[in-house]
Structures are given as structure tokens and as C-alpha cells.
């Protein structure tokens, strides 16, 4: 029986880095990766970052949140799309508020 080596999935990301300041100045990737990255903000972690003043120490999500916050609305279909990323709503919000 011959064993075939399967390739691991990869994500292509191009980065332009200022090494003196340890900052990424520009990043380019496929839309699938960007969608996944932005989807992290729709999790409660995005809300934690917002509520703790972007110093939540939840990995690099502070920086992702700040980057989206600073991103021009021109890069979104509507300003509502940007707001949805920065201030996601919980589907159970109405149910929970009825219990109070």
C-alpha cells in the first residue's frame, strides 16, 4: 500500500511590514480569509474588546477591532455593515431582556 502525502490547506497573505516600528502597514489576502477574520468580531469576543476599551488582552483582536474601526466606510457596502461588525447584536437579546 502506498501512502500519499496530503497537502495541508494554506492561506496566502502578503504583508508590508515596518520592521523598525513592528507594524503591519498593508495586508492582502483572499476574501475568504478576510471574511473569517472579520467574523471573529461578530462573536462575543468583539463585544468584549469594545466594552473593555480595546485593551481586553484577547490576543490580537484588540488590533483587529481597532483596524476595522479606523477603516473607511468606503470599503463596506454600507455604513450599517461596518456597524454590524463593530457592534454585533445577539440573536437572544430580546429573549434575555424580556426576562428582566
PDB file of N, CA and C in Angstrom:
ATOM      1  N   UNK A   1       0.830  -1.166   0.000  1.00  0.00           N
ATOM      2  CA  UNK A   1       0.000   0.000   0.000  1.00  0.00           C
ATOM      3  C   UNK A   1       0.883   1.242   0.000  1.00  0.00           C
ATOM      4  N   UNK A   2       0.681   2.110  -0.950  1.00  0.00           N
ATOM      5  CA  UNK A   2       1.487   3.328  -0.988  1.00  0.00           C
ATOM      6  C   UNK A   2       0.744   4.441  -0.255  1.00  0.00           C
ATOM      7  N   UNK A   3       1.490   5.160   0.492  1.00  0.00           N
ATOM      8  CA  UNK A   3       0.912   6.236   1.273  1.00  0.00           C
ATOM      9  C   UNK A   3       1.134   7.556   0.534  1.00  0.00           C
ATOM     10  N   UNK A   4       0.069   8.304   0.295  1.00  0.00           N
ATOM     11  CA  UNK A   4       0.208   9.589  -0.380  1.00  0.00           C
ATOM     12  C   UNK A   4       0.194  10.694   0.659  1.00  0.00           C
ATOM     13  N   UNK A   5       1.050  11.628   0.435  1.00  0.00           N
ATOM     14  CA  UNK A   5       1.136  12.753   1.356  1.00  0.00           C
ATOM     15  C   UNK A   5       0.110  13.803   0.935  1.00  0.00           C
ATOM     16  N   UNK A   6      -0.803  14.128   1.834  1.00  0.00           N
ATOM     17  CA  UNK A   6      -1.802  15.145   1.513  1.00  0.00           C
ATOM     18  C   UNK A   6      -1.266  16.513   1.921  1.00  0.00           C
ATOM     19  N   UNK A   7      -1.578  17.493   1.116  1.00  0.00           N
ATOM     20  CA  UNK A   7      -1.136  18.858   1.412  1.00  0.00           C
ATOM     21  C   UNK A   7      -2.044  19.492   2.440  1.00  0.00           C
ATOM     22  N   UNK A   8      -1.443  20.213   3.355  1.00  0.00           N
ATOM     23  CA  UNK A   8      -2.201  20.955   4.341  1.00  0.00           C
ATOM     24  C   UNK A   8      -2.761  22.214   3.672  1.00  0.00           C
ATOM     25  N   UNK A   9      -3.966  22.621   4.057  1.00  0.00           N
ATOM     26  CA  UNK A   9      -4.511  23.864   3.488  1.00  0.00           C
ATOM     27  C   UNK A   9      -3.678  25.062   3.935  1.00  0.00           C
ATOM     28  N   UNK A  10      -3.523  26.013   3.058  1.00  0.00           N
ATOM     29  CA  UNK A  10      -2.754  27.209   3.373  1.00  0.00           C
ATOM     30  C   UNK A  10      -3.561  28.460   3.044  1.00  0.00           C
ATOM     31  N   UNK A  11      -3.139  29.551   3.612  1.00  0.00           N
ATOM     32  CA  UNK A  11      -3.738  30.852   3.337  1.00  0.00           C
ATOM     33  C   UNK A  11      -2.620  31.764   2.862  1.00  0.00           C
ATOM     34  N   UNK A  12      -2.807  32.352   1.688  1.00  0.00           N
ATOM     35  CA  UNK A  12      -1.811  33.273   1.153  1.00  0.00           C
ATOM     36  C   UNK A  12      -2.106  34.684   1.671  1.00  0.00           C
ATOM     37  N   UNK A  13      -1.123  35.255   2.346  1.00  0.00           N
ATOM     38  CA  UNK A  13      -1.245  36.614   2.873  1.00  0.00           C
ATOM     39  C   UNK A  13       0.021  37.364   2.513  1.00  0.00           C
ATOM     40  N   UNK A  14      -0.140  38.511   1.864  1.00  0.00           N
ATOM     41  CA  UNK A  14       1.000  39.376   1.564  1.00  0.00           C
ATOM     42  C   UNK A  14       1.013  40.492   2.597  1.00  0.00           C
ATOM     43  N   UNK A  15       2.171  40.724   3.195  1.00  0.00           N
ATOM     44  CA  UNK A  15       2.295  41.757   4.225  1.00  0.00           C
ATOM     45  C   UNK A  15       3.389  42.747   3.874  1.00  0.00           C
ATOM     46  N   UNK A  16       3.127  44.000   4.162  1.00  0.00           N
ATOM     47  CA  UNK A  16       4.125  45.057   4.056  1.00  0.00           C
ATOM     48  C   UNK A  16       4.363  45.527   5.488  1.00  0.00           C
ATOM     49  N   UNK A  17       5.561  45.252   6.017  1.00  0.00           N
ATOM     50  CA  UNK A  17       5.840  45.453   7.429  1.00  0.00           C
ATOM     51  C   UNK A  17       6.902  46.525   7.632  1.00  0.00           C
ATOM     52  N   UNK A  18       6.639  47.425   8.569  1.00  0.00           N
ATOM     53  CA  UNK A  18       7.635  48.385   9.025  1.00  0.00           C
ATOM     54  C   UNK A  18       8.366  47.709  10.180  1.00  0.00           C
ATOM     55  N   UNK A  19       9.551  47.177   9.920  1.00  0.00           N
ATOM     56  CA  UNK A  19      10.278  46.403  10.921  1.00  0.00           C
ATOM     57  C   UNK A  19      10.776  47.269  12.066  1.00  0.00           C
ATOM     58  N   UNK A  20      11.054  48.534  11.820  1.00  0.00           N
ATOM     59  CA  UNK A  20      11.531  49.414  12.886  1.00  0.00           C
ATOM     60  C   UNK A  20      10.447  49.630  13.945  1.00  0.00           C
ATOM     61  N   UNK A  21       9.199  49.768  13.496  1.00  0.00           N
ATOM     62  CA  UNK A  21       8.090  50.026  14.425  1.00  0.00           C
ATOM     63  C   UNK A  21       7.289  48.774  14.751  1.00  0.00           C
ATOM     64  N   UNK A  22       7.665  47.633  14.151  1.00  0.00           N
ATOM     65  CA  UNK A  22       6.944  46.365  14.354  1.00  0.00           C
ATOM     66  C   UNK A  22       5.458  46.526  14.053  1.00  0.00           C
ATOM     67  N   UNK A  23       5.155  47.104  12.885  1.00  0.00           N
ATOM     68  CA  UNK A  23       3.767  47.325  12.488  1.00  0.00           C
ATOM     69  C   UNK A  23       3.541  46.810  11.085  1.00  0.00           C
ATOM     70  N   UNK A  24       2.366  46.232  10.890  1.00  0.00           N
ATOM     71  CA  UNK A  24       1.943  45.840   9.547  1.00  0.00           C
ATOM     72  C   UNK A  24       1.298  47.069   8.920  1.00  0.00           C
ATOM     73  N   UNK A  25       1.832  47.522   7.802  1.00  0.00           N
ATOM     74  CA  UNK A  25       1.308  48.708   7.125  1.00  0.00           C
ATOM     75  C   UNK A  25       0.249  48.351   6.099  1.00  0.00           C
ATOM     76  N   UNK A  26       0.367  47.163   5.518  1.00  0.00           N
ATOM     77  CA  UNK A  26      -0.561  46.741   4.480  1.00  0.00           C
ATOM     78  C   UNK A  26      -0.622  45.221   4.482  1.00  0.00           C
ATOM     79  N   UNK A  27      -1.829  44.686   4.328  1.00  0.00           N
ATOM     80  CA  UNK A  27      -2.002  43.230   4.232  1.00  0.00           C
ATOM     81  C   UNK A  27      -2.973  42.944   3.097  1.00  0.00           C
ATOM     82  N   UNK A  28      -2.694  41.879   2.362  1.00  0.00           N
ATOM     83  CA  UNK A  28      -3.563  41.500   1.249  1.00  0.00           C
ATOM     84  C   UNK A  28      -3.780  39.995   1.298  1.00  0.00           C
ATOM     85  N   UNK A  29      -5.040  39.592   1.143  1.00  0.00           N
ATOM     86  CA  UNK A  29      -5.369  38.174   1.152  1.00  0.00           C
ATOM     87  C   UNK A  29      -6.674  37.981   0.399  1.00  0.00           C
ATOM     88  N   UNK A  30      -7.046  36.722   0.227  1.00  0.00           N
ATOM     89  CA  UNK A  30      -8.308  36.408  -0.432  1.00  0.00           C
ATOM     90  C   UNK A  30      -9.490  36.773   0.444  1.00  0.00           C
ATOM     91  N   UNK A  31     -10.639  36.940  -0.179  1.00  0.00           N
ATOM     92  CA  UNK A  31     -11.826  37.369   0.562  1.00  0.00           C
ATOM     93  C   UNK A  31     -12.255  36.343   1.612  1.00  0.00           C
ATOM     94  N   UNK A  32     -11.987  35.053   1.372  1.00  0.00           N
ATOM     95  CA  UNK A  32     -12.385  34.033   2.331  1.00  0.00           C
ATOM     96  C   UNK A  32     -11.687  34.250   3.679  1.00  0.00           C
ATOM     97  N   UNK A  33     -10.390  34.528   3.639  1.00  0.00           N
ATOM     98  CA  UNK A  33      -9.633  34.754   4.866  1.00  0.00           C
ATOM     99  C   UNK A  33     -10.104  36.021   5.566  1.00  0.00           C
ATOM    100  N   UNK A  34     -10.349  37.070   4.810  1.00  0.00           N
ATOM    101  CA  UNK A  34     -10.812  38.334   5.392  1.00  0.00           C
ATOM    102  C   UNK A  34     -12.186  38.141   6.027  1.00  0.00           C
ATOM    103  N   UNK A  35     -13.065  37.396   5.368  1.00  0.00           N
ATOM    104  CA  UNK A  35     -14.384  37.112   5.944  1.00  0.00           C
ATOM    105  C   UNK A  35     -14.273  36.379   7.270  1.00  0.00           C
ATOM    106  N   UNK A  36     -13.388  35.408   7.338  1.00  0.00           N
ATOM    107  CA  UNK A  36     -13.196  34.661   8.582  1.00  0.00           C
ATOM    108  C   UNK A  36     -12.630  35.574   9.661  1.00  0.00           C
ATOM    109  N   UNK A  37     -11.653  36.385   9.308  1.00  0.00           N
ATOM    110  CA  UNK A  37     -11.052  37.306  10.269  1.00  0.00           C
ATOM    111  C   UNK A  37     -12.103  38.273  10.818  1.00  0.00           C
ATOM    112  N   UNK A  38     -12.897  38.864   9.931  1.00  0.00           N
ATOM    113  CA  UNK A  38     -13.945  39.791  10.375  1.00  0.00           C
ATOM    114  C   UNK A  38     -15.025  39.070  11.164  1.00  0.00           C
ATOM    115  N   UNK A  39     -15.281  37.804  10.843  1.00  0.00           N
ATOM    116  CA  UNK A  39     -16.341  37.081  11.557  1.00  0.00           C
ATOM    117  C   UNK A  39     -16.000  36.915  13.033  1.00  0.00           C
ATOM    118  N   UNK A  40     -14.703  36.954  13.388  1.00  0.00           N
ATOM    119  CA  UNK A  40     -14.337  36.879  14.801  1.00  0.00           C
ATOM    120  C   UNK A  40     -14.945  38.033  15.583  1.00  0.00           C
ATOM    121  N   UNK A  41     -15.135  39.173  14.935  1.00  0.00           N
ATOM    122  CA  UNK A  41     -15.720  40.327  15.620  1.00  0.00           C
ATOM    123  C   UNK A  41     -17.197  40.146  15.898  1.00  0.00           C
ATOM    124  N   UNK A  42     -17.857  39.240  15.173  1.00  0.00           N
ATOM    125  CA  UNK A  42     -19.281  39.007  15.416  1.00  0.00           C
ATOM    126  C   UNK A  42     -19.497  38.081  16.603  1.00  0.00           C
ATOM    127  N   UNK A  43     -18.439  37.441  17.064  1.00  0.00           N
ATOM    128  CA  UNK A  43     -18.531  36.610  18.255  1.00  0.00           C
ATOM    129  C   UNK A  43     -18.569  37.521  19.479  1.00  0.00           C
ATOM    130  N   UNK A  44     -18.961  36.992  20.607  1.00  0.00           N
ATOM    131  CA  UNK A  44     -18.949  37.834  21.818  1.00  0.00           C
ATOM    132  C   UNK A  44     -17.581  38.438  22.115  1.00  0.00           C
ATOM    133  N   UNK A  45     -16.508  37.867  21.559  1.00  0.00           N
ATOM    134  CA  UNK A  45     -15.180  38.432  21.785  1.00  0.00           C
ATOM    135  C   UNK A  45     -15.090  39.859  21.263  1.00  0.00           C
ATOM    136  N   UNK A  46     -15.740  40.146  20.131  1.00  0.00           N
ATOM    137  CA  UNK A  46     -15.744  41.501  19.595  1.00  0.00           C
ATOM    138  C   UNK A  46     -16.400  42.473  20.554  1.00  0.00           C
ATOM    139  N   UNK A  47     -17.460  42.035  21.211  1.00  0.00           N
ATOM    140  CA  UNK A  47     -18.138  42.875  22.190  1.00  0.00           C
ATOM    141  C   UNK A  47     -17.267  43.066  23.421  1.00  0.00           C
ATOM    142  N   UNK A  48     -16.575  42.022  23.837  1.00  0.00           N
ATOM    143  CA  UNK A  48     -15.663  42.129  24.983  1.00  0.00           C
ATOM    144  C   UNK A  48     -14.588  43.165  24.690  1.00  0.00           C
ATOM    145  N   UNK A  49     -14.028  43.123  23.480  1.00  0.00           N
ATOM    146  CA  UNK A  49     -12.994  44.086  23.096  1.00  0.00           C
ATOM    147  C   UNK A  49     -13.554  45.499  23.159  1.00  0.00           C
ATOM    148  N   UNK A  50     -14.758  45.701  22.641  1.00  0.00           N
ATOM    149  CA  UNK A  50     -15.364  47.042  22.628  1.00  0.00           C
ATOM    150  C   UNK A  50     -15.638  47.521  24.047  1.00  0.00           C
ATOM    151  N   UNK A  51     -16.178  46.659  24.892  1.00  0.00           N
ATOM    152  CA  UNK A  51     -16.542  47.065  26.243  1.00  0.00           C
ATOM    153  C   UNK A  51     -15.334  47.326  27.133  1.00  0.00           C
ATOM    154  N   UNK A  52     -14.243  46.636  26.885  1.00  0.00           N
ATOM    155  CA  UNK A  52     -13.043  46.835  27.697  1.00  0.00           C
ATOM    156  C   UNK A  52     -12.115  47.903  27.129  1.00  0.00           C
ATOM    157  N   UNK A  53     -12.624  48.676  26.189  1.00  0.00           N
ATOM    158  CA  UNK A  53     -11.856  49.805  25.680  1.00  0.00           C
ATOM    159  C   UNK A  53     -10.667  49.400  24.836  1.00  0.00           C
ATOM    160  N   UNK A  54     -10.793  48.313  24.118  1.00  0.00           N
ATOM    161  CA  UNK A  54      -9.762  47.840  23.202  1.00  0.00           C
ATOM    162  C   UNK A  54      -8.450  47.518  23.917  1.00  0.00           C
ATOM    163  N   UNK A  55      -8.541  47.182  25.192  1.00  0.00           N
ATOM    164  CA  UNK A  55      -7.384  46.712  25.953  1.00  0.00           C
ATOM    165  C   UNK A  55      -7.753  45.406  26.649  1.00  0.00           C
ATOM    166  N   UNK A  56      -8.488  44.561  25.935  1.00  0.00           N
ATOM    167  CA  UNK A  56      -9.022  43.341  26.526  1.00  0.00           C
ATOM    168  C   UNK A  56      -7.979  42.259  26.694  1.00  0.00           C
ATOM    169  N   UNK A  57      -6.862  42.382  26.008  1.00  0.00           N
ATOM    170  CA  UNK A  57      -5.812  41.375  26.007  1.00  0.00           C
ATOM    171  C   UNK A  57      -6.329  40.023  25.511  1.00  0.00           C
ATOM    172  N   UNK A  58      -7.291  40.062  24.572  1.00  0.00           N
ATOM    173  CA  UNK A  58      -7.803  38.848  23.935  1.00  0.00           C
ATOM    174  C   UNK A  58      -7.017  38.673  22.637  1.00  0.00           C
ATOM    175  N   UNK A  59      -5.766  38.294  22.781  1.00  0.00           N
ATOM    176  CA  UNK A  59      -4.923  38.091  21.607  1.00  0.00           C
ATOM    177  C   UNK A  59      -4.818  39.348  20.775  1.00  0.00           C
ATOM    178  N   UNK A  60      -4.863  39.182  19.476  1.00  0.00           N
ATOM    179  CA  UNK A  60      -4.730  40.315  18.562  1.00  0.00           C
ATOM    180  C   UNK A  60      -6.083  40.920  18.195  1.00  0.00           C
ATOM    181  N   UNK A  61      -7.164  40.482  18.825  1.00  0.00           N
ATOM    182  CA  UNK A  61      -8.484  41.009  18.483  1.00  0.00           C
ATOM    183  C   UNK A  61      -8.608  42.496  18.766  1.00  0.00           C
ATOM    184  N   UNK A  62      -7.876  42.991  19.756  1.00  0.00           N
ATOM    185  CA  UNK A  62      -7.876  44.441  20.009  1.00  0.00           C
ATOM    186  C   UNK A  62      -7.453  45.189  18.749  1.00  0.00           C
ATOM    187  N   UNK A  63      -6.385  44.700  18.122  1.00  0.00           N
ATOM    188  CA  UNK A  63      -5.857  45.359  16.925  1.00  0.00           C
ATOM    189  C   UNK A  63      -6.789  45.177  15.729  1.00  0.00           C
ATOM    190  N   UNK A  64      -7.395  44.003  15.595  1.00  0.00           N
ATOM    191  CA  UNK A  64      -8.351  43.772  14.505  1.00  0.00           C
ATOM    192  C   UNK A  64      -9.526  44.725  14.661  1.00  0.00           C
ATOM    193  N   UNK A  65     -10.043  44.852  15.879  1.00  0.00           N
ATOM    194  CA  UNK A  65     -11.171  45.741  16.143  1.00  0.00           C
ATOM    195  C   UNK A  65     -10.806  47.181  15.806  1.00  0.00           C
ATOM    196  N   UNK A  66      -9.649  47.620  16.275  1.00  0.00           N
ATOM    197  CA  UNK A  66      -9.205  48.998  16.012  1.00  0.00           C
ATOM    198  C   UNK A  66      -9.023  49.230  14.514  1.00  0.00           C
ATOM    199  N   UNK A  67      -8.500  48.239  13.804  1.00  0.00           N
ATOM    200  CA  UNK A  67      -8.294  48.377  12.363  1.00  0.00           C
ATOM    201  C   UNK A  67      -9.616  48.537  11.632  1.00  0.00           C
ATOM    202  N   UNK A  68     -10.614  47.757  12.007  1.00  0.00           N
ATOM    203  CA  UNK A  68     -11.935  47.884  11.384  1.00  0.00           C
ATOM    204  C   UNK A  68     -12.545  49.224  11.749  1.00  0.00           C
ATOM    205  N   UNK A  69     -12.375  49.638  12.987  1.00  0.00           N
ATOM    206  CA  UNK A  69     -12.904  50.922  13.443  1.00  0.00           C
ATOM    207  C   UNK A  69     -12.307  52.077  12.637  1.00  0.00           C
ATOM    208  N   UNK A  70     -11.016  51.991  12.328  1.00  0.00           N
ATOM    209  CA  UNK A  70     -10.327  53.050  11.592  1.00  0.00           C
ATOM    210  C   UNK A  70     -10.529  52.958  10.083  1.00  0.00           C
ATOM    211  N   UNK A  71     -11.035  51.825   9.606  1.00  0.00           N
ATOM    212  CA  UNK A  71     -11.219  51.603   8.172  1.00  0.00           C
ATOM    213  C   UNK A  71     -12.320  52.508   7.626  1.00  0.00           C
ATOM    214  N   UNK A  72     -12.074  53.109   6.498  1.00  0.00           N
ATOM    215  CA  UNK A  72     -13.048  53.999   5.878  1.00  0.00           C
ATOM    216  C   UNK A  72     -14.316  53.240   5.505  1.00  0.00           C
ATOM    217  N   UNK A  73     -15.456  53.905   5.613  1.00  0.00           N
ATOM    218  CA  UNK A  73     -16.740  53.297   5.251  1.00  0.00           C
ATOM    219  C   UNK A  73     -16.799  52.979   3.756  1.00  0.00           C
ATOM    220  N   UNK A  74     -15.892  53.538   2.980  1.00  0.00           N
ATOM    221  CA  UNK A  74     -15.850  53.265   1.539  1.00  0.00           C
ATOM    222  C   UNK A  74     -15.558  51.800   1.242  1.00  0.00           C
ATOM    223  N   UNK A  75     -14.964  51.090   2.194  1.00  0.00           N
ATOM    224  CA  UNK A  75     -14.610  49.690   1.997  1.00  0.00           C
ATOM    225  C   UNK A  75     -15.744  48.733   2.343  1.00  0.00           C
ATOM    226  N   UNK A  76     -16.882  49.261   2.772  1.00  0.00           N
ATOM    227  CA  UNK A  76     -18.047  48.459   3.115  1.00  0.00           C
ATOM    228  C   UNK A  76     -19.178  48.797   2.160  1.00  0.00           C
ATOM    229  N   UNK A  77     -20.092  47.843   1.980  1.00  0.00           N
ATOM    230  CA  UNK A  77     -21.230  48.113   1.109  1.00  0.00           C
ATOM    231  C   UNK A  77     -22.066  49.265   1.660  1.00  0.00           C
ATOM    232  N   UNK A  78     -22.274  49.264   2.972  1.00  0.00           N
ATOM    233  CA  UNK A  78     -22.992  50.357   3.632  1.00  0.00           C
ATOM    234  C   UNK A  78     -22.335  50.605   4.983  1.00  0.00           C
ATOM    235  N   UNK A  79     -22.641  51.742   5.583  1.00  0.00           N
ATOM    236  CA  UNK A  79     -22.120  52.039   6.920  1.00  0.00           C
ATOM    237  C   UNK A  79     -22.699  51.062   7.932  1.00  0.00           C
ATOM    238  N   UNK A  80     -23.880  50.538   7.646  1.00  0.00           N
ATOM    239  CA  UNK A  80     -24.503  49.551   8.529  1.00  0.00           C
ATOM    240  C   UNK A  80     -23.663  48.286   8.616  1.00  0.00           C
ATOM    241  N   UNK A  81     -23.026  47.890   7.522  1.00  0.00           N
ATOM    242  CA  UNK A  81     -22.164  46.709   7.525  1.00  0.00           C
ATOM    243  C   UNK A  81     -21.000  46.902   8.498  1.00  0.00           C
ATOM    244  N   UNK A  82     -20.431  48.079   8.496  1.00  0.00           N
ATOM    245  CA  UNK A  82     -19.329  48.371   9.420  1.00  0.00           C
ATOM    246  C   UNK A  82     -19.841  48.352  10.859  1.00  0.00           C
ATOM    247  N   UNK A  83     -20.991  48.942  11.097  1.00  0.00           N
ATOM    248  CA  UNK A  83     -21.582  48.975  12.430  1.00  0.00           C
ATOM    249  C   UNK A  83     -21.889  47.567  12.923  1.00  0.00           C
ATOM    250  N   UNK A  84     -22.338  46.700  12.027  1.00  0.00           N
ATOM    251  CA  UNK A  84     -22.648  45.323  12.409  1.00  0.00           C
ATOM    252  C   UNK A  84     -21.397  44.585  12.885  1.00  0.00           C
ATOM    253  N   UNK A  85     -20.251  44.892  12.301  1.00  0.00           N
ATOM    254  CA  UNK A  85     -19.004  44.268  12.749  1.00  0.00           C
ATOM    255  C   UNK A  85     -18.546  44.816  14.094  1.00  0.00           C
ATOM    256  N   UNK A  86     -18.695  46.119  14.273  1.00  0.00           N
ATOM    257  CA  UNK A  86     -18.190  46.755  15.486  1.00  0.00           C
ATOM    258  C   UNK A  86     -19.137  46.623  16.672  1.00  0.00           C
ATOM    259  N   UNK A  87     -20.433  46.507  16.395  1.00  0.00           N
ATOM    260  CA  UNK A  87     -21.432  46.405  17.463  1.00  0.00           C
ATOM    261  C   UNK A  87     -22.429  45.300  17.132  1.00  0.00           C
ATOM    262  N   UNK A  88     -21.976  44.033  17.143  1.00  0.00           N
ATOM    263  CA  UNK A  88     -22.871  42.931  16.765  1.00  0.00           C
ATOM    264  C   UNK A  88     -24.007  42.772  17.771  1.00  0.00           C
ATOM    265  N   UNK A  89     -25.155  42.352  17.254  1.00  0.00           N
ATOM    266  CA  UNK A  89     -26.309  42.095  18.102  1.00  0.00           C
ATOM    267  C   UNK A  89     -26.398  40.605  18.384  1.00  0.00           C
ATOM    268  N   UNK A  90     -26.864  40.271  19.551  1.00  0.00           N
ATOM    269  CA  UNK A  90     -27.059  38.886  19.932  1.00  0.00           C
ATOM    270  C   UNK A  90     -28.478  38.489  19.542  1.00  0.00           C
ATOM    271  N   UNK A  91     -28.649  37.345  18.918  1.00  0.00           N
ATOM    272  CA  UNK A  91     -29.960  36.880  18.482  1.00  0.00           C
ATOM    273  C   UNK A  91     -30.891  36.659  19.663  1.00  0.00           C
ATOM    274  N   UNK A  92     -30.354  36.392  20.824  1.00  0.00           N
ATOM    275  CA  UNK A  92     -31.168  36.132  22.010  1.00  0.00           C
ATOM    276  C   UNK A  92     -31.381  37.399  22.848  1.00  0.00           C
ATOM    277  N   UNK A  93     -30.992  38.544  22.337  1.00  0.00           N
ATOM    278  CA  UNK A  93     -31.066  39.785  23.100  1.00  0.00           C
ATOM    279  C   UNK A  93     -32.498  40.078  23.554  1.00  0.00           C
ATOM    280  N   UNK A  94     -33.461  39.966  22.645  1.00  0.00           N
ATOM    281  CA  UNK A  94     -34.864  40.238  23.011  1.00  0.00           C
ATOM    282  C   UNK A  94     -35.359  39.262  24.066  1.00  0.00           C
ATOM    283  N   UNK A  95     -34.989  37.992  23.910  1.00  0.00           N
ATOM    284  CA  UNK A  95     -35.411  36.977  24.870  1.00  0.00           C
ATOM    285  C   UNK A  95     -34.838  37.267  26.247  1.00  0.00           C
ATOM    286  N   UNK A  96     -33.575  37.647  26.300  1.00  0.00           N
ATOM    287  CA  UNK A  96     -32.943  37.936  27.588  1.00  0.00           C
ATOM    288  C   UNK A  96     -33.483  39.196  28.221  1.00  0.00           C
ATOM    289  N   UNK A  97     -33.762  40.221  27.429  1.00  0.00           N
ATOM    290  CA  UNK A  97     -34.260  41.479  28.006  1.00  0.00           C
ATOM    291  C   UNK A  97     -35.686  41.335  28.494  1.00  0.00           C
ATOM    292  N   UNK A  98     -36.465  40.383  27.952  1.00  0.00           N
ATOM    293  CA  UNK A  98     -37.827  40.147  28.433  1.00  0.00           C
ATOM    294  C   UNK A  98     -37.836  39.540  29.842  1.00  0.00           C
ATOM    295  N   UNK A  99     -36.749  38.882  30.207  1.00  0.00           N
ATOM    296  CA  UNK A  99     -36.659  38.220  31.491  1.00  0.00           C
ATOM    297  C   UNK A  99     -36.341  39.184  32.625  1.00  0.00           C
ATOM    298  N   UNK A 100     -35.922  40.388  32.302  1.00  0.00           N
ATOM    299  CA  UNK A 100     -35.527  41.354  33.348  1.00  0.00           C
ATOM    300  C   UNK A 100     -36.709  42.028  33.981  1.00  0.00           C
TER     301      UNK A 100
END
